C-alpha atoms as a PDB file:
ATOM      1  CA  MET A   1      86.568 102.785 114.459  1.00  0.00           C
ATOM      2  CA  ALA A   2      87.696 102.516 110.916  1.00  0.00           C
ATOM      3  CA  VAL A   3      91.277 101.056 112.168  1.00  0.00           C
ATOM      4  CA  LEU A   4      89.652  98.465 114.307  1.00  0.00           C
ATOM      5  CA  THR A   5      87.476  97.578 111.346  1.00  0.00           C
ATOM      6  CA  VAL A   6      90.379  96.863 108.759  1.00  0.00           C
ATOM      7  CA  THR A   7      92.544  95.298 111.301  1.00  0.00           C
ATOM      8  CA  PRO A   8      93.267  91.790 110.082  1.00  0.00           C
ATOM      9  CA  GLY A   9      92.088  89.023 112.255  1.00  0.00           C
ATOM     10  CA  PRO A  10      89.868  85.826 112.249  1.00  0.00           C
ATOM     11  CA  ASP A  11      87.025  87.801 109.823  1.00  0.00           C
ATOM     12  CA  MET A  12      89.617  88.577 107.468  1.00  0.00           C
ATOM     13  CA  ALA A  13      90.940  85.298 107.293  1.00  0.00           C
ATOM     14  CA  LEU A  14      87.448  83.615 106.920  1.00  0.00           C
ATOM     15  CA  VAL A  15      86.428  86.335 104.163  1.00  0.00           C
ATOM     16  CA  LEU A  16      89.772  85.478 102.020  1.00  0.00           C
ATOM     17  CA  ARG A  17      89.420  81.834 102.256  1.00  0.00           C
ATOM     18  CA  ASN A  18      85.463  81.754 101.412  1.00  0.00           C
ATOM     19  CA  GLY A  19      86.403  84.418  98.631  1.00  0.00           C
ATOM     20  CA  VAL A  20      89.020  82.138  96.923  1.00  0.00           C
ATOM     21  CA  ARG A  21      86.496  79.266  96.959  1.00  0.00           C
ATOM     22  CA  GLY A  22      83.118  81.074  95.886  1.00  0.00           C
ATOM     23  CA  GLY A  23      84.436  84.666  94.559  1.00  0.00           C
ATOM     24  CA  THR A  24      83.096  87.853  95.241  1.00  0.00           C
ATOM     25  CA  ALA A  25      79.741  86.580  96.238  1.00  0.00           C
ATOM     26  CA  ALA A  26      80.931  84.083  98.845  1.00  0.00           C
ATOM     27  CA  ALA A  27      83.301  86.881 100.242  1.00  0.00           C
ATOM     28  CA  LEU A  28      80.824  89.528 100.751  1.00  0.00           C
ATOM     29  CA  TRP A  29      78.081  86.897 102.357  1.00  0.00           C
ATOM     30  CA  THR A  30      80.963  86.096 104.655  1.00  0.00           C
ATOM     31  CA  GLY A  31      81.513  89.660 105.332  1.00  0.00           C
ATOM     32  CA  LEU A  32      77.900  90.440 105.948  1.00  0.00           C
ATOM     33  CA  GLY A  33      77.809  87.477 108.404  1.00  0.00           C
ATOM     34  CA  CYS A  34      80.666  88.869 110.297  1.00  0.00           C
ATOM     35  CA  CYS A  35      78.565  92.338 110.234  1.00  0.00           C
ATOM     36  CA  ALA A  36      75.381  90.604 111.632  1.00  0.00           C
ATOM     37  CA  GLY A  37      77.554  88.758 114.324  1.00  0.00           C
ATOM     38  CA  ILE A  38      78.853  92.264 115.223  1.00  0.00           C
ATOM     39  CA  ALA A  39      75.302  93.627 115.138  1.00  0.00           C
ATOM     40  CA  VAL A  40      74.458  91.015 118.002  1.00  0.00           C
ATOM     41  CA  HIS A  41      77.048  92.223 120.153  1.00  0.00           C
ATOM     42  CA  ALA A  42      76.406  95.956 119.454  1.00  0.00           C
ATOM     43  CA  LEU A  43      72.565  95.339 120.443  1.00  0.00           C
ATOM     44  CA  ALA A  44      73.794  93.231 123.698  1.00  0.00           C
ATOM     45  CA  ALA A  45      76.259  96.019 124.666  1.00  0.00           C
ATOM     46  CA  VAL A  46      73.550  98.683 124.236  1.00  0.00           C
ATOM     47  CA  ILE A  47      70.851  96.915 126.306  1.00  0.00           C
ATOM     48  CA  GLY A  48      73.381  95.857 128.803  1.00  0.00           C
ATOM     49  CA  LEU A  49      73.679  92.105 128.371  1.00  0.00           C
ATOM     50  CA  SER A  50      77.212  92.376 127.228  1.00  0.00           C
ATOM     51  CA  ALA A  51      78.109  93.652 130.753  1.00  0.00           C
ATOM     52  CA  LEU A  52      76.591  90.293 132.337  1.00  0.00           C
ATOM     53  CA  LEU A  53      78.754  88.287 129.912  1.00  0.00           C
ATOM     54  CA  ALA A  54      81.750  90.119 130.890  1.00  0.00           C
ATOM     55  CA  ALA A  55      80.825  89.676 134.809  1.00  0.00           C
ATOM     56  CA  SER A  56      80.658  86.286 134.663  1.00  0.00           C
ATOM     57  CA  ALA A  57      84.022  84.365 134.447  1.00  0.00           C
ATOM     58  CA  THR A  58      82.272  81.055 133.632  1.00  0.00           C
ATOM     59  CA  ALA A  59      79.953  82.156 130.697  1.00  0.00           C
ATOM     60  CA  PHE A  60      82.783  84.481 129.171  1.00  0.00           C
ATOM     61  CA  THR A  61      85.028  81.252 129.286  1.00  0.00           C
ATOM     62  CA  VAL A  62      82.481  79.128 127.679  1.00  0.00           C
ATOM     63  CA  VAL A  63      81.704  81.416 125.023  1.00  0.00           C
ATOM     64  CA  LYS A  64      85.410  82.005 124.290  1.00  0.00           C
ATOM     65  CA  LEU A  65      86.212  78.072 123.975  1.00  0.00           C
ATOM     66  CA  ILE A  66      83.439  77.408 121.948  1.00  0.00           C
ATOM     67  CA  GLY A  67      84.623  80.396 119.714  1.00  0.00           C
ATOM     68  CA  ALA A  68      87.914  79.310 119.856  1.00  0.00           C
ATOM     69  CA  ALA A  69      86.985  75.804 118.926  1.00  0.00           C
ATOM     70  CA  TYR A  70      84.781  76.892 115.938  1.00  0.00           C
ATOM     71  CA  LEU A  71      87.984  78.744 114.361  1.00  0.00           C
ATOM     72  CA  VAL A  72      89.827  75.869 114.756  1.00  0.00           C
ATOM     73  CA  TRP A  73      87.482  73.785 113.013  1.00  0.00           C
ATOM     74  CA  LEU A  74      87.170  76.088 110.064  1.00  0.00           C
ATOM     75  CA  GLY A  75      91.020  76.081 110.041  1.00  0.00           C
ATOM     76  CA  VAL A  76      91.177  72.166 109.821  1.00  0.00           C
ATOM     77  CA  GLN A  77      88.596  72.018 107.403  1.00  0.00           C
ATOM     78  CA  ALA A  78      90.797  74.659 105.036  1.00  0.00           C
ATOM     79  CA  LEU A  79      93.804  72.438 105.778  1.00  0.00           C
ATOM     80  CA  TRP A  80      91.982  69.081 104.983  1.00  0.00           C
ATOM     81  CA  ALA A  81      90.549  70.775 101.826  1.00  0.00           C
ATOM     82  CA  ALA A  82      94.147  71.960 100.677  1.00  0.00           C
ATOM     83  CA  ARG A  83      95.540  68.560 101.321  1.00  0.00           C
ATOM     84  CA  HIS A  84      92.772  66.927  99.260  1.00  0.00           C
ATOM     85  CA  GLY A  85      93.284  69.790  96.670  1.00  0.00           C
ATOM     86  CA  LEU A  86      96.913  68.689  96.607  1.00  0.00           C
ATOM     87  CA  ARG A  87      96.043  65.412  95.432  1.00  0.00           C
ATOM     88  CA  GLY A  88      94.157  67.031  92.668  1.00  0.00           C
ATOM     89  CA  LEU A  89      96.820  69.059  91.667  1.00  0.00           C
ATOM     90  CA  THR A  90      99.408  66.248  91.689  1.00  0.00           C
ATOM     91  CA  ALA A  91      97.094  64.053  89.357  1.00  0.00           C
ATOM     92  CA  SER A  92      96.238  67.335  87.176  1.00  0.00           C
ATOM     93  CA  ALA A  93      97.735  70.323  87.177  1.00  0.00           C
ATOM     94  CA  ALA A  94      94.750  72.068  85.459  1.00  0.00           C
ATOM     95  CA  THR A  95      92.194  71.207  88.308  1.00  0.00           C
ATOM     96  CA  VAL A  96      92.205  71.666  92.153  1.00  0.00           C
ATOM     97  CA  GLU A  97      89.100  70.311  93.911  1.00  0.00           C
ATOM     98  CA  THR A  98      88.052  72.652  96.774  1.00  0.00           C
ATOM     99  CA  GLU A  99      84.468  72.647  97.490  1.00  0.00           C
ATOM    100  CA  PRO A 100      82.989  76.207  96.731  1.00  0.00           C
ATOM    101  CA  VAL A 101      81.119  77.722  99.632  1.00  0.00           C
ATOM    102  CA  ALA A 102      77.400  78.361  99.369  1.00  0.00           C
ATOM    103  CA  ARG A 103      76.288  82.014 100.330  1.00  0.00           C
ATOM    104  CA  THR A 104      74.055  80.655 103.276  1.00  0.00           C
ATOM    105  CA  ALA A 105      76.946  78.828 104.627  1.00  0.00           C
ATOM    106  CA  ALA A 106      79.264  81.744 104.028  1.00  0.00           C
ATOM    107  CA  PHE A 107      77.071  84.057 105.830  1.00  0.00           C
ATOM    108  CA  ARG A 108      76.393  81.583 108.754  1.00  0.00           C
ATOM    109  CA  GLN A 109      80.031  81.197 109.192  1.00  0.00           C
ATOM    110  CA  GLY A 110      80.667  84.902 109.565  1.00  0.00           C
ATOM    111  CA  VAL A 111      77.913  85.283 112.027  1.00  0.00           C
ATOM    112  CA  LEU A 112      79.113  82.510 114.199  1.00  0.00           C
ATOM    113  CA  SER A 113      82.620  83.557 114.003  1.00  0.00           C
ATOM    114  CA  ASN A 114      81.909  86.766 115.668  1.00  0.00           C
ATOM    115  CA  VAL A 115      78.805  86.020 117.854  1.00  0.00           C
ATOM    116  CA  LEU A 116      81.266  83.028 119.478  1.00  0.00           C
ATOM    117  CA  ASN A 117      83.894  85.843 120.003  1.00  0.00           C
ATOM    118  CA  PRO A 118      83.342  87.432 123.606  1.00  0.00           C
ATOM    119  CA  LYS A 119      86.503  89.650 122.662  1.00  0.00           C
ATOM    120  CA  ILE A 120      83.879  91.737 120.562  1.00  0.00           C
ATOM    121  CA  ALA A 121      81.482  92.038 123.410  1.00  0.00           C
ATOM    122  CA  LEU A 122      84.316  93.448 125.492  1.00  0.00           C
ATOM    123  CA  LEU A 123      85.398  95.852 122.831  1.00  0.00           C
ATOM    124  CA  PHE A 124      81.992  97.362 122.640  1.00  0.00           C
ATOM    125  CA  LEU A 125      81.789  97.819 126.484  1.00  0.00           C
ATOM    126  CA  THR A 126      85.218  99.525 126.455  1.00  0.00           C
ATOM    127  CA  LEU A 127      84.962 101.403 123.427  1.00  0.00           C
ATOM    128  CA  LEU A 128      81.505 102.951 123.529  1.00  0.00           C
ATOM    129  CA  PRO A 129      81.330 104.469 126.960  1.00  0.00           C
ATOM    130  CA  GLN A 130      84.505 106.556 125.884  1.00  0.00           C
ATOM    131  CA  PHE A 131      82.494 108.646 123.498  1.00  0.00           C
ATOM    132  CA  VAL A 132      79.412 109.116 125.707  1.00  0.00           C
ATOM    133  CA  ALA A 133      79.566 112.702 127.219  1.00  0.00           C
ATOM    134  CA  ALA A 134      78.158 113.493 130.741  1.00  0.00           C
ATOM    135  CA  GLY A 135      74.362 114.109 130.516  1.00  0.00           C
ATOM    136  CA  GLU A 136      74.176 112.003 127.227  1.00  0.00           C
ATOM    137  CA  SER A 137      72.048 109.208 126.910  1.00  0.00           C
ATOM    138  CA  ARG A 138      74.224 106.228 127.146  1.00  0.00           C
ATOM    139  CA  MET A 139      71.836 103.908 125.460  1.00  0.00           C
ATOM    140  CA  ALA A 140      70.995 106.304 122.331  1.00  0.00           C
ATOM    141  CA  THR A 141      74.652 107.411 121.931  1.00  0.00           C
ATOM    142  CA  SER A 142      75.739 103.939 122.001  1.00  0.00           C
ATOM    143  CA  ALA A 143      73.322 102.829 119.465  1.00  0.00           C
ATOM    144  CA  VAL A 144      74.469 105.665 117.110  1.00  0.00           C
ATOM    145  CA  LEU A 145      78.135 104.764 117.327  1.00  0.00           C
ATOM    146  CA  ALA A 146      77.343 101.199 117.060  1.00  0.00           C
ATOM    147  CA  ALA A 147      75.239 101.845 113.915  1.00  0.00           C
ATOM    148  CA  ILE A 148      78.259 103.847 112.621  1.00  0.00           C
ATOM    149  CA  PHE A 149      80.726 101.097 113.168  1.00  0.00           C
ATOM    150  CA  LEU A 150      78.586  98.741 111.568  1.00  0.00           C
ATOM    151  CA  ALA A 151      78.233 100.958 108.571  1.00  0.00           C
ATOM    152  CA  LEU A 152      82.060 100.919 108.428  1.00  0.00           C
ATOM    153  CA  ALA A 153      82.312  97.387 108.656  1.00  0.00           C
ATOM    154  CA  VAL A 154      79.720  96.731 105.886  1.00  0.00           C
ATOM    155  CA  LEU A 155      81.437  99.168 103.555  1.00  0.00           C
ATOM    156  CA  TRP A 156      84.799  97.656 104.235  1.00  0.00           C
ATOM    157  CA  TRP A 157      83.714  94.128 103.442  1.00  0.00           C
ATOM    158  CA  THR A 158      81.940  95.305 100.220  1.00  0.00           C
ATOM    159  CA  VAL A 159      85.321  96.843  99.121  1.00  0.00           C
ATOM    160  CA  PHE A 160      87.322  93.954 100.239  1.00  0.00           C
ATOM    161  CA  SER A 161      85.021  91.471  98.617  1.00  0.00           C
ATOM    162  CA  PHE A 162      85.150  93.217  95.289  1.00  0.00           C
ATOM    163  CA  LEU A 163      89.116  93.408  95.596  1.00  0.00           C
ATOM    164  CA  VAL A 164      89.006  89.629  96.118  1.00  0.00           C
ATOM    165  CA  GLY A 165      86.575  89.293  93.115  1.00  0.00           C
ATOM    166  CA  ARG A 166      89.088  91.369  91.045  1.00  0.00           C
ATOM    167  CA  LEU A 167      91.866  89.256  91.810  1.00  0.00           C
ATOM    168  CA  GLY A 168      89.956  86.175  90.775  1.00  0.00           C
ATOM    169  CA  ARG A 169      91.915  84.765  87.921  1.00  0.00           C
ATOM    170  CA  LEU A 170      95.140  84.957  90.020  1.00  0.00           C
ATOM    171  CA  LEU A 171      93.524  83.508  93.085  1.00  0.00           C
ATOM    172  CA  SER A 172      91.861  81.028  90.912  1.00  0.00           C
ATOM    173  CA  LEU A 173      95.386  79.607  89.828  1.00  0.00           C
ATOM    174  CA  PRO A 174      95.657  75.930  91.202  1.00  0.00           C
ATOM    175  CA  LYS A 175      99.053  76.364  93.318  1.00  0.00           C
ATOM    176  CA  VAL A 176      97.734  80.137  94.326  1.00  0.00           C
ATOM    177  CA  LYS A 177      94.494  78.614  95.662  1.00  0.00           C
ATOM    178  CA  LEU A 178      96.226  75.824  97.735  1.00  0.00           C
ATOM    179  CA  THR A 179      98.656  78.098  99.148  1.00  0.00           C
ATOM    180  CA  LEU A 180      95.941  80.565 100.260  1.00  0.00           C
ATOM    181  CA  GLU A 181      93.908  77.414 101.487  1.00  0.00           C
ATOM    182  CA  ARG A 182      96.740  76.278 103.509  1.00  0.00           C
ATOM    183  CA  LEU A 183      97.653  79.949 104.794  1.00  0.00           C
ATOM    184  CA  THR A 184      94.094  80.801 105.735  1.00  0.00           C
ATOM    185  CA  GLY A 185      93.754  77.489 107.432  1.00  0.00           C
ATOM    186  CA  ALA A 186      96.912  77.918 109.322  1.00  0.00           C
ATOM    187  CA  VAL A 187      95.958  81.450 110.271  1.00  0.00           C
ATOM    188  CA  LEU A 188      92.378  80.280 111.378  1.00  0.00           C
ATOM    189  CA  VAL A 189      93.590  77.590 113.585  1.00  0.00           C
ATOM    190  CA  ALA A 190      96.451  79.662 115.107  1.00  0.00           C
ATOM    191  CA  LEU A 191      94.037  82.502 115.878  1.00  0.00           C
ATOM    192  CA  GLY A 192      91.502  79.942 117.572  1.00  0.00           C
ATOM    193  CA  LEU A 193      94.246  78.579 119.687  1.00  0.00           C
ATOM    194  CA  ARG A 194      95.291  82.257 120.627  1.00  0.00           C
ATOM    195  CA  VAL A 195      91.709  82.850 121.772  1.00  0.00           C
ATOM    196  CA  ALA A 196      91.425  79.693 123.778  1.00  0.00           C
ATOM    197  CA  LEU A 197      94.748  80.429 125.663  1.00  0.00           C
ATOM    198  CA  GLU A 198      94.383  84.094 126.202  1.00  0.00           C
END
């Protein structure tokens, strides 16, 4: 579970992007939003709703395409902000105009990026049953495992957000900020396209 939590993906790109824009607080609220999105899928898996999503090819595809479009949209926003910031950097090396992310917006982005990712639902459907022994309550054991997974996720995003904050000075340098904005934007677009085509 710990390995799955720290594996790079859309969440890490989004948390890093918002952390560069808004510091530790924005990174942390994005991470907590990601955890809230995971909690939605965990609850759905425990009560059996995820199985319905996985069983319906149409529903799965619709959620997948909406999620992919959302990631691409976030990536395009980052690339647009980088382009706008590059103009500001050309005019003045001291400033780069990238709009900071409010905590509520950061949290909402984290939630939506995971709620609209049906692969997380499949992850819970395939992972949790492997730890349920014969004779055990599937719902109770799955709930405990989901809670452990969420606790690890909250711990990871807290640590990661703190590290982003500690690197704040370096990350706030105009050229570094633009590079990260472009990089995370490109990664989000690429991940969105990959999700759509899988």
